[in-house]
Amino acid sequence: MKVAAATYEVPYSTLCRRMNGIASRRDSIANNGRLTHQEESASNYFL
């Protein structure tokens, strides 16, 4: 993995996190604000 990190000029720690399934900050923040259809329906019911 160190060779791949050096080849693509990516920090080794970042590559390890991706291989372990941890999403990037950009991807994880983008999903935090979205409600599922069921959650949205429930919130509309209470409002």
N, C-alpha and C. Protein backbone atom coordinates (compact mmCIF):
# COMPACT_ATOMS: atom_id res chain seq x y z
N MET A 1 0.81 -1.18 0.00
CA MET A 1 0.00 0.00 0.00
C MET A 1 0.86 1.26 0.00
N LYS A 2 2.03 1.18 0.58
CA LYS A 2 2.90 2.35 0.60
C LYS A 2 3.33 2.73 -0.81
N VAL A 3 3.51 1.74 -1.66
CA VAL A 3 3.89 2.03 -3.05
C VAL A 3 2.75 2.73 -3.77
N ALA A 4 1.53 2.28 -3.55
CA ALA A 4 0.36 2.92 -4.18
C ALA A 4 0.20 4.35 -3.68
N ALA A 5 0.41 4.57 -2.39
CA ALA A 5 0.30 5.92 -1.84
C ALA A 5 1.34 6.84 -2.46
N ALA A 6 2.54 6.34 -2.62
CA ALA A 6 3.60 7.15 -3.23
C ALA A 6 3.33 7.39 -4.71
N THR A 7 2.83 6.38 -5.40
CA THR A 7 2.55 6.49 -6.83
C THR A 7 1.50 7.55 -7.11
N TYR A 8 0.44 7.55 -6.32
CA TYR A 8 -0.67 8.48 -6.55
C TYR A 8 -0.57 9.75 -5.71
N GLU A 9 0.54 9.89 -4.98
CA GLU A 9 0.80 11.07 -4.15
C GLU A 9 -0.33 11.34 -3.17
N VAL A 10 -0.71 10.28 -2.47
CA VAL A 10 -1.77 10.34 -1.46
C VAL A 10 -1.12 9.95 -0.13
N PRO A 11 -1.44 10.65 0.95
CA PRO A 11 -0.89 10.25 2.25
C PRO A 11 -1.26 8.80 2.58
N TYR A 12 -0.30 8.07 3.12
CA TYR A 12 -0.51 6.67 3.46
C TYR A 12 -1.67 6.51 4.43
N SER A 13 -1.78 7.42 5.40
CA SER A 13 -2.87 7.33 6.39
C SER A 13 -4.24 7.47 5.73
N THR A 14 -4.34 8.33 4.72
CA THR A 14 -5.60 8.50 4.01
C THR A 14 -5.97 7.23 3.27
N LEU A 15 -5.00 6.63 2.62
CA LEU A 15 -5.24 5.39 1.89
C LEU A 15 -5.67 4.28 2.84
N CYS A 16 -5.06 4.21 4.00
CA CYS A 16 -5.44 3.19 4.99
C CYS A 16 -6.88 3.39 5.45
N ARG A 17 -7.27 4.65 5.70
CA ARG A 17 -8.65 4.91 6.12
C ARG A 17 -9.65 4.50 5.04
N ARG A 18 -9.35 4.80 3.79
CA ARG A 18 -10.26 4.44 2.70
C ARG A 18 -10.37 2.92 2.57
N MET A 19 -9.26 2.23 2.73
CA MET A 19 -9.27 0.77 2.63
C MET A 19 -10.08 0.15 3.77
N ASN A 20 -10.14 0.84 4.91
CA ASN A 20 -10.91 0.34 6.06
C ASN A 20 -12.37 0.78 6.02
N GLY A 21 -12.77 1.47 4.94
CA GLY A 21 -14.17 1.81 4.75
C GLY A 21 -14.60 3.14 5.32
N ILE A 22 -13.67 3.96 5.79
CA ILE A 22 -14.04 5.27 6.34
C ILE A 22 -14.19 6.26 5.19
N ALA A 23 -15.34 6.88 5.10
CA ALA A 23 -15.62 7.81 4.00
C ALA A 23 -14.83 9.10 4.17
N SER A 24 -14.63 9.79 3.07
CA SER A 24 -13.95 11.08 3.13
C SER A 24 -14.84 12.08 3.85
N ARG A 25 -14.24 13.13 4.35
CA ARG A 25 -15.00 14.15 5.06
C ARG A 25 -16.06 14.76 4.17
N ARG A 26 -15.71 15.01 2.92
CA ARG A 26 -16.66 15.61 1.97
C ARG A 26 -17.88 14.72 1.79
N ASP A 27 -17.67 13.41 1.65
CA ASP A 27 -18.79 12.49 1.44
C ASP A 27 -19.62 12.30 2.69
N SER A 28 -18.99 12.25 3.85
CA SER A 28 -19.75 12.00 5.07
C SER A 28 -20.57 13.23 5.49
N ILE A 29 -20.06 14.43 5.28
CA ILE A 29 -20.81 15.63 5.62
C ILE A 29 -21.98 15.82 4.66
N ALA A 30 -21.79 15.48 3.41
CA ALA A 30 -22.85 15.66 2.43
C ALA A 30 -24.07 14.81 2.76
N ASN A 31 -23.87 13.67 3.37
CA ASN A 31 -24.99 12.78 3.67
C ASN A 31 -25.68 13.11 4.98
N ASN A 32 -25.07 13.93 5.82
CA ASN A 32 -25.65 14.22 7.13
C ASN A 32 -26.93 15.04 7.04
N GLY A 33 -27.07 15.90 6.05
CA GLY A 33 -28.20 16.80 5.98
C GLY A 33 -29.42 16.22 5.30
N ARG A 34 -29.30 15.07 4.74
CA ARG A 34 -30.42 14.50 3.98
C ARG A 34 -31.30 13.63 4.87
N LEU A 35 -32.59 13.79 4.67
CA LEU A 35 -33.55 12.94 5.37
C LEU A 35 -34.05 11.86 4.42
N THR A 36 -34.34 10.71 4.98
CA THR A 36 -34.97 9.68 4.18
C THR A 36 -36.42 10.10 3.93
N HIS A 37 -37.05 9.45 3.00
CA HIS A 37 -38.45 9.76 2.69
C HIS A 37 -39.32 9.56 3.93
N GLN A 38 -39.06 8.50 4.66
CA GLN A 38 -39.84 8.20 5.86
C GLN A 38 -39.62 9.28 6.94
N GLU A 39 -38.38 9.73 7.12
CA GLU A 39 -38.10 10.78 8.10
C GLU A 39 -38.77 12.10 7.72
N GLU A 40 -38.74 12.42 6.44
CA GLU A 40 -39.36 13.65 5.98
C GLU A 40 -40.87 13.61 6.17
N SER A 41 -41.48 12.47 5.87
CA SER A 41 -42.93 12.32 6.07
C SER A 41 -43.30 12.46 7.54
N ALA A 42 -42.49 11.87 8.40
CA ALA A 42 -42.76 11.95 9.84
C ALA A 42 -42.63 13.38 10.34
N SER A 43 -41.63 14.10 9.86
CA SER A 43 -41.46 15.49 10.31
C SER A 43 -42.60 16.37 9.81
N ASN A 44 -43.09 16.13 8.60
CA ASN A 44 -44.22 16.90 8.08
C ASN A 44 -45.49 16.60 8.86
N TYR A 45 -45.63 15.38 9.33
CA TYR A 45 -46.80 14.99 10.11
C TYR A 45 -46.86 15.78 11.42
N PHE A 46 -45.69 15.95 12.06
CA PHE A 46 -45.65 16.64 13.35
C PHE A 46 -45.68 18.15 13.21
N LEU A 47 -45.35 18.66 12.05
CA LEU A 47 -45.38 20.11 11.86
C LEU A 47 -46.76 20.51 11.45
